């Protein structure tokens, strides 16, 4: 069975299937990469909780940066957020994001109970 949550016309924020939860890409508010990363990871936390999961259960993360020069700044926030011993498989690349003010987008796949 597929369960969709926070369903919109274009996408669902959460899709659950067979023990796996898929989140739509999350972006954050703020002027800096640090602020945007902190905000989007807080949004990931909230969606994971809503789906019955947590950051300890993240299987994979895909991170898009609008400019790879921000890699170290984003990683400083990411490294503090990921629970020790629970680092997921991860990819990070550069992409043109949906709005010019966006600097980071995080896409997460996790297990749930």
N, C-alpha and C. Protein backbone atom coordinates (compact mmCIF):
# COMPACT_ATOMS: atom_id res chain seq x y z
N UNK A 1 0.83 -1.18 0.00
CA UNK A 1 0.00 0.00 0.00
C UNK A 1 0.89 1.25 0.00
N UNK A 2 0.52 2.22 -0.78
CA UNK A 2 1.20 3.51 -0.83
C UNK A 2 0.37 4.52 -0.06
N UNK A 3 1.01 5.22 0.88
CA UNK A 3 0.34 6.26 1.64
C UNK A 3 0.98 7.60 1.30
N UNK A 4 0.16 8.54 0.88
CA UNK A 4 0.63 9.88 0.54
C UNK A 4 0.11 10.87 1.58
N UNK A 5 0.99 11.75 2.02
CA UNK A 5 0.63 12.73 3.04
C UNK A 5 0.98 14.13 2.53
N UNK A 6 0.20 15.12 3.00
CA UNK A 6 0.43 16.50 2.55
C UNK A 6 0.38 16.56 1.02
N UNK A 7 -0.73 16.06 0.48
CA UNK A 7 -0.89 15.93 -0.97
C UNK A 7 -1.26 17.27 -1.58
N UNK A 8 -0.53 17.65 -2.60
CA UNK A 8 -0.84 18.85 -3.37
C UNK A 8 -1.09 18.45 -4.81
N UNK A 9 -1.38 19.43 -5.64
CA UNK A 9 -1.63 19.16 -7.04
C UNK A 9 -0.39 18.62 -7.75
N UNK A 10 0.78 19.18 -7.39
CA UNK A 10 2.02 18.85 -8.07
C UNK A 10 2.79 17.72 -7.41
N UNK A 11 2.72 17.64 -6.07
CA UNK A 11 3.50 16.63 -5.35
C UNK A 11 2.94 16.41 -3.96
N UNK A 12 3.33 15.29 -3.38
CA UNK A 12 3.06 15.01 -1.98
C UNK A 12 4.34 15.32 -1.21
N UNK A 13 4.21 15.88 0.00
CA UNK A 13 5.40 16.15 0.79
C UNK A 13 6.01 14.86 1.33
N UNK A 14 5.16 13.86 1.57
CA UNK A 14 5.61 12.58 2.13
C UNK A 14 4.92 11.46 1.37
N UNK A 15 5.69 10.44 0.98
CA UNK A 15 5.13 9.22 0.42
C UNK A 15 5.74 8.05 1.18
N UNK A 16 4.86 7.18 1.71
CA UNK A 16 5.31 6.01 2.47
C UNK A 16 4.94 4.74 1.71
N UNK A 17 5.88 3.81 1.66
CA UNK A 17 5.63 2.55 0.97
C UNK A 17 6.59 1.48 1.49
N UNK A 18 6.03 0.39 1.95
CA UNK A 18 6.82 -0.80 2.26
C UNK A 18 8.01 -0.50 3.19
N UNK A 19 7.75 0.26 4.25
CA UNK A 19 8.79 0.54 5.24
C UNK A 19 9.74 1.66 4.89
N UNK A 20 9.47 2.36 3.78
CA UNK A 20 10.34 3.45 3.34
C UNK A 20 9.51 4.72 3.20
N UNK A 21 10.08 5.83 3.65
CA UNK A 21 9.44 7.13 3.52
C UNK A 21 10.30 8.00 2.60
N UNK A 22 9.63 8.64 1.65
CA UNK A 22 10.27 9.52 0.68
C UNK A 22 9.77 10.93 0.93
N UNK A 23 10.68 11.87 1.12
CA UNK A 23 10.29 13.26 1.32
C UNK A 23 10.54 14.05 0.06
N UNK A 24 9.67 15.03 -0.20
CA UNK A 24 9.95 15.94 -1.30
C UNK A 24 11.14 16.81 -0.91
N UNK A 25 11.76 17.44 -1.87
CA UNK A 25 12.91 18.29 -1.58
C UNK A 25 12.54 19.42 -0.63
N UNK A 26 13.43 19.68 0.32
CA UNK A 26 13.20 20.72 1.31
C UNK A 26 14.20 21.85 1.13
N UNK A 27 13.70 23.06 1.15
CA UNK A 27 14.52 24.25 1.11
C UNK A 27 14.23 25.04 2.38
N UNK A 28 15.08 26.00 2.68
CA UNK A 28 14.89 26.75 3.91
C UNK A 28 14.94 28.25 3.69
N UNK A 29 14.50 28.97 4.71
CA UNK A 29 14.53 30.43 4.69
C UNK A 29 15.86 30.92 5.26
N UNK A 30 16.20 32.13 4.91
CA UNK A 30 17.42 32.75 5.43
C UNK A 30 18.26 33.31 4.30
N UNK A 31 19.23 34.11 4.69
CA UNK A 31 20.09 34.76 3.71
C UNK A 31 21.37 33.97 3.44
N UNK A 32 21.80 33.16 4.39
CA UNK A 32 23.07 32.45 4.25
C UNK A 32 22.85 30.95 4.04
N UNK A 33 23.87 30.28 3.59
CA UNK A 33 23.80 28.82 3.44
C UNK A 33 23.57 28.18 4.80
N UNK A 34 24.22 28.68 5.84
CA UNK A 34 24.02 28.15 7.19
C UNK A 34 22.56 28.26 7.60
N UNK A 35 21.97 29.43 7.46
CA UNK A 35 20.56 29.63 7.85
C UNK A 35 19.64 28.74 7.03
N UNK A 36 19.83 28.71 5.73
CA UNK A 36 18.95 27.90 4.88
C UNK A 36 19.11 26.41 5.18
N UNK A 37 20.33 25.95 5.44
CA UNK A 37 20.54 24.54 5.75
C UNK A 37 19.88 24.19 7.08
N UNK A 38 20.07 25.02 8.08
CA UNK A 38 19.44 24.78 9.38
C UNK A 38 17.92 24.71 9.25
N UNK A 39 17.34 25.63 8.50
CA UNK A 39 15.89 25.66 8.34
C UNK A 39 15.38 24.46 7.56
N UNK A 40 16.05 24.10 6.48
CA UNK A 40 15.54 22.97 5.69
C UNK A 40 15.71 21.66 6.47
N UNK A 41 16.76 21.52 7.28
CA UNK A 41 16.91 20.31 8.09
C UNK A 41 15.87 20.26 9.20
N UNK A 42 15.47 21.40 9.73
CA UNK A 42 14.36 21.44 10.70
C UNK A 42 13.06 20.98 10.03
N UNK A 43 12.87 21.36 8.78
CA UNK A 43 11.69 20.91 8.03
C UNK A 43 11.75 19.41 7.77
N UNK A 44 12.94 18.90 7.47
CA UNK A 44 13.11 17.45 7.30
C UNK A 44 12.74 16.75 8.60
N UNK A 45 13.24 17.25 9.74
CA UNK A 45 12.90 16.66 11.04
C UNK A 45 11.39 16.59 11.24
N UNK A 46 10.69 17.68 10.94
CA UNK A 46 9.24 17.73 11.15
C UNK A 46 8.52 16.73 10.26
N UNK A 47 8.92 16.64 8.99
CA UNK A 47 8.27 15.69 8.08
C UNK A 47 8.58 14.24 8.47
N UNK A 48 9.82 13.98 8.88
CA UNK A 48 10.16 12.62 9.32
C UNK A 48 9.32 12.23 10.53
N UNK A 49 9.17 13.14 11.48
CA UNK A 49 8.36 12.86 12.66
C UNK A 49 6.91 12.59 12.26
N UNK A 50 6.38 13.39 11.37
CA UNK A 50 5.01 13.20 10.88
C UNK A 50 4.85 11.83 10.23
N UNK A 51 5.90 11.35 9.58
CA UNK A 51 5.85 10.07 8.87
C UNK A 51 6.18 8.88 9.77
N UNK A 52 6.48 9.14 11.05
CA UNK A 52 6.84 8.05 11.96
C UNK A 52 8.28 7.62 11.83
N UNK A 53 9.15 8.53 11.41
CA UNK A 53 10.56 8.23 11.23
C UNK A 53 11.39 9.26 11.99
N UNK A 54 12.70 9.23 11.76
CA UNK A 54 13.60 10.16 12.44
C UNK A 54 14.91 10.25 11.66
N UNK A 55 15.74 11.20 12.05
CA UNK A 55 17.03 11.34 11.35
C UNK A 55 17.93 10.12 11.54
N UNK A 56 17.73 9.36 12.62
CA UNK A 56 18.50 8.13 12.81
C UNK A 56 18.13 7.06 11.79
N UNK A 57 17.01 7.22 11.12
CA UNK A 57 16.52 6.22 10.16
C UNK A 57 16.71 6.66 8.70
N UNK A 58 17.41 7.77 8.48
CA UNK A 58 17.63 8.21 7.10
C UNK A 58 18.54 7.23 6.39
N UNK A 59 18.10 6.81 5.22
CA UNK A 59 18.86 5.87 4.39
C UNK A 59 19.74 6.61 3.39
N UNK A 60 19.18 7.65 2.78
CA UNK A 60 19.89 8.38 1.73
C UNK A 60 19.49 9.84 1.76
N UNK A 61 20.46 10.70 1.47
CA UNK A 61 20.20 12.13 1.32
C UNK A 61 20.86 12.60 0.04
N UNK A 62 20.15 13.42 -0.69
CA UNK A 62 20.69 14.07 -1.87
C UNK A 62 20.61 15.57 -1.61
N UNK A 63 21.74 16.23 -1.74
CA UNK A 63 21.82 17.65 -1.45
C UNK A 63 22.23 18.40 -2.71
N UNK A 64 21.46 19.42 -3.03
CA UNK A 64 21.78 20.29 -4.15
C UNK A 64 22.19 21.64 -3.60
N UNK A 65 23.31 22.15 -4.06
CA UNK A 65 23.76 23.50 -3.73
C UNK A 65 23.71 24.35 -4.98
N UNK A 66 23.34 25.61 -4.83
CA UNK A 66 23.34 26.49 -6.00
C UNK A 66 24.77 26.83 -6.41
N UNK A 67 25.72 26.68 -5.47
CA UNK A 67 27.12 26.93 -5.78
C UNK A 67 27.98 26.04 -4.88
N UNK A 68 28.83 25.22 -5.46
CA UNK A 68 29.65 24.29 -4.69
C UNK A 68 30.65 25.00 -3.78
N UNK A 69 30.85 26.29 -3.94
CA UNK A 69 31.72 27.02 -3.02
C UNK A 69 31.13 27.02 -1.61
N UNK A 70 29.84 26.70 -1.48
CA UNK A 70 29.16 26.67 -0.19
C UNK A 70 29.21 25.29 0.47
N UNK A 71 29.94 24.35 -0.12
CA UNK A 71 29.99 22.96 0.35
C UNK A 71 30.44 22.87 1.81
N UNK A 72 31.52 23.53 2.18
CA UNK A 72 32.04 23.44 3.56
C UNK A 72 31.06 24.06 4.56
N UNK A 73 30.45 25.19 4.19
CA UNK A 73 29.49 25.84 5.09
C UNK A 73 28.26 24.96 5.32
N UNK A 74 27.75 24.36 4.26
CA UNK A 74 26.61 23.44 4.40
C UNK A 74 27.01 22.23 5.24
N UNK A 75 28.20 21.67 4.98
CA UNK A 75 28.65 20.49 5.71
C UNK A 75 28.81 20.74 7.20
N UNK A 76 29.17 21.96 7.60
CA UNK A 76 29.29 22.28 9.02
C UNK A 76 27.94 22.10 9.73
N UNK A 77 26.87 22.54 9.08
CA UNK A 77 25.52 22.37 9.64
C UNK A 77 25.11 20.91 9.57
N UNK A 78 25.33 20.28 8.44
CA UNK A 78 24.96 18.87 8.24
C UNK A 78 25.63 17.98 9.28
N UNK A 79 26.94 18.15 9.45
CA UNK A 79 27.70 17.30 10.37
C UNK A 79 27.21 17.42 11.80
N UNK A 80 26.79 18.60 12.21
CA UNK A 80 26.24 18.80 13.55
C UNK A 80 24.85 18.19 13.70
N UNK A 81 24.13 18.07 12.60
CA UNK A 81 22.74 17.59 12.60
C UNK A 81 22.64 16.07 12.56
N UNK A 82 23.52 15.41 11.82
CA UNK A 82 23.44 13.95 11.66
C UNK A 82 23.89 13.27 12.95
N UNK A 83 23.07 12.38 13.50
CA UNK A 83 23.46 11.69 14.73
C UNK A 83 24.69 10.81 14.50
N UNK A 84 25.60 10.84 15.45
CA UNK A 84 26.81 10.04 15.34
C UNK A 84 26.46 8.56 15.13
N UNK A 85 27.12 7.96 14.16
CA UNK A 85 26.88 6.55 13.85
C UNK A 85 25.69 6.30 12.94
N UNK A 86 25.02 7.36 12.49
CA UNK A 86 23.82 7.21 11.66
C UNK A 86 23.92 7.98 10.34
N UNK A 87 25.13 8.21 9.87
CA UNK A 87 25.28 8.94 8.61
C UNK A 87 24.69 8.12 7.45
N UNK A 88 23.82 8.74 6.65
CA UNK A 88 23.21 8.02 5.53
C UNK A 88 24.14 8.00 4.32
N UNK A 89 23.78 7.21 3.33
CA UNK A 89 24.40 7.36 2.01
C UNK A 89 24.03 8.76 1.54
N UNK A 90 24.99 9.45 0.90
CA UNK A 90 24.73 10.85 0.55
C UNK A 90 25.42 11.23 -0.75
N UNK A 91 24.75 12.09 -1.50
CA UNK A 91 25.35 12.70 -2.68
C UNK A 91 25.11 14.20 -2.57
N UNK A 92 26.04 14.97 -3.13
CA UNK A 92 25.90 16.42 -3.13
C UNK A 92 26.40 16.94 -4.46
N UNK A 93 25.61 17.82 -5.07
CA UNK A 93 26.01 18.38 -6.35
C UNK A 93 25.52 19.81 -6.48
N UNK A 94 25.90 20.43 -7.57
CA UNK A 94 25.50 21.80 -7.86
C UNK A 94 24.37 21.79 -8.88
N UNK A 95 23.36 22.63 -8.63
CA UNK A 95 22.22 22.71 -9.54
C UNK A 95 21.60 24.09 -9.45
N UNK A 96 20.96 24.50 -10.53
CA UNK A 96 20.16 25.72 -10.50
C UNK A 96 18.86 25.36 -9.78
N UNK A 97 18.61 26.01 -8.65
CA UNK A 97 17.43 25.71 -7.85
C UNK A 97 16.24 26.52 -8.33
N UNK A 98 15.06 26.23 -7.79
CA UNK A 98 13.81 26.77 -8.29
C UNK A 98 13.71 28.30 -8.23
N UNK A 99 14.33 28.90 -7.22
CA UNK A 99 14.33 30.36 -7.10
C UNK A 99 15.76 30.83 -6.86
N UNK A 100 16.10 32.00 -7.37
CA UNK A 100 17.46 32.51 -7.28
C UNK A 100 17.97 32.68 -5.86
N UNK A 101 17.07 32.93 -4.90
CA UNK A 101 17.50 33.14 -3.51
C UNK A 101 17.86 31.84 -2.80
N UNK A 102 17.46 30.70 -3.37
CA UNK A 102 17.73 29.41 -2.73
C UNK A 102 19.18 29.01 -2.93
N UNK A 103 19.78 28.51 -1.84
CA UNK A 103 21.18 28.10 -1.87
C UNK A 103 21.35 26.60 -1.65
N UNK A 104 20.35 25.94 -1.05
CA UNK A 104 20.47 24.52 -0.72
C UNK A 104 19.10 23.86 -0.75
N UNK A 105 19.07 22.62 -1.22
CA UNK A 105 17.87 21.77 -1.19
C UNK A 105 18.29 20.38 -0.77
N UNK A 106 17.52 19.77 0.14
CA UNK A 106 17.84 18.45 0.65
C UNK A 106 16.67 17.51 0.37
N UNK A 107 16.98 16.34 -0.19
CA UNK A 107 15.99 15.31 -0.50
C UNK A 107 16.36 14.08 0.31
N UNK A 108 15.40 13.54 1.06
CA UNK A 108 15.68 12.46 2.01
C UNK A 108 14.78 11.25 1.76
N UNK A 109 15.39 10.08 1.88
CA UNK A 109 14.69 8.79 1.91
C UNK A 109 15.04 8.13 3.23
N UNK A 110 14.04 7.62 3.95
CA UNK A 110 14.29 7.04 5.27
C UNK A 110 13.42 5.80 5.49
N UNK A 111 13.80 5.02 6.46
CA UNK A 111 12.96 3.91 6.92
C UNK A 111 11.98 4.45 7.95
N UNK A 112 10.90 3.72 8.19
CA UNK A 112 9.98 4.10 9.27
C UNK A 112 9.47 2.83 9.94
N UNK A 113 9.02 2.99 11.17
CA UNK A 113 8.51 1.85 11.94
C UNK A 113 7.04 1.63 11.68
